[in-house]
């Protein structure tokens, strides 16, 4: 079982971060831009990385989105 990377955050913040991961995965960033704070948090947690093609989920980020 994977540890919850959002355990340290409030429920509202954790839900927002999870939705941000889903928006990144689905490439909905023009409709739902990522805030600088959320991007920094997700990057620090190792869930997102910036590449030439834009923001992408790391394997850990994909596991969070596709997990239980």
Protein backbone atom coordinates (compact mmCIF):
# COMPACT_ATOMS: atom_id res chain seq x y z
CA UNK A 1 0.00 0.00 0.00
CA UNK A 2 1.37 3.40 -1.01
CA UNK A 3 1.71 6.09 1.64
CA UNK A 4 -0.52 9.11 1.13
CA UNK A 5 1.73 11.98 -0.03
CA UNK A 6 -0.97 14.47 0.96
CA UNK A 7 -1.35 13.34 4.58
CA UNK A 8 0.26 16.52 5.89
CA UNK A 9 -2.28 18.78 4.18
CA UNK A 10 -5.85 19.68 5.02
CA UNK A 11 -8.54 17.65 3.28
CA UNK A 12 -9.43 20.61 1.05
CA UNK A 13 -5.80 21.13 -0.01
CA UNK A 14 -5.26 17.39 -0.60
CA UNK A 15 -8.33 17.20 -2.85
CA UNK A 16 -7.15 20.26 -4.78
CA UNK A 17 -3.69 18.79 -5.29
CA UNK A 18 -5.15 15.48 -6.48
CA UNK A 19 -7.36 17.33 -9.00
CA UNK A 20 -4.32 19.29 -10.16
CA UNK A 21 -2.52 16.00 -10.83
CA UNK A 22 -5.51 14.84 -12.88
CA UNK A 23 -5.54 18.11 -14.82
CA UNK A 24 -1.83 17.72 -15.61
CA UNK A 25 -2.31 14.11 -16.69
CA UNK A 26 -5.24 15.03 -18.95
CA UNK A 27 -3.42 18.10 -20.35
CA UNK A 28 -6.17 20.49 -19.19
CA UNK A 29 -3.73 23.20 -18.16
CA UNK A 30 -5.11 25.87 -20.49
CA UNK A 31 -8.52 25.49 -18.88
CA UNK A 32 -7.19 24.91 -15.36
CA UNK A 33 -3.77 26.54 -14.93
CA UNK A 34 -1.64 25.25 -12.07
CA UNK A 35 -0.85 27.78 -9.36
CA UNK A 36 2.82 28.38 -8.59
CA UNK A 37 2.27 27.17 -5.02
CA UNK A 38 0.62 23.90 -6.12
CA UNK A 39 3.29 23.29 -8.75
CA UNK A 40 6.03 23.83 -6.17
CA UNK A 41 4.30 21.47 -3.73
CA UNK A 42 3.79 18.72 -6.30
CA UNK A 43 7.36 19.07 -7.56
CA UNK A 44 8.76 18.95 -4.01
CA UNK A 45 6.73 15.79 -3.38
CA UNK A 46 8.24 14.25 -6.53
CA UNK A 47 4.88 13.86 -8.24
CA UNK A 48 5.37 16.27 -11.16
CA UNK A 49 8.30 17.37 -13.28
CA UNK A 50 8.71 19.98 -16.00
CA UNK A 51 9.94 18.77 -19.38
CA UNK A 52 10.24 20.40 -22.79
CA UNK A 53 6.73 19.22 -23.67
CA UNK A 54 5.34 20.71 -20.45
CA UNK A 55 4.38 19.35 -17.06
CA UNK A 56 4.23 15.58 -16.71
CA UNK A 57 3.49 13.20 -13.87
CA UNK A 58 6.32 11.12 -12.50
CA UNK A 59 5.68 7.42 -11.87
CA UNK A 60 4.84 8.36 -8.27
CA UNK A 61 2.37 10.98 -9.49
CA UNK A 62 0.74 8.46 -11.80
CA UNK A 63 0.43 6.01 -8.91
CA UNK A 64 -1.35 8.66 -6.83
CA UNK A 65 -3.85 9.43 -9.61
CA UNK A 66 -4.49 5.79 -10.50
CA UNK A 67 -4.32 4.44 -6.96
CA UNK A 68 -7.18 3.73 -4.58
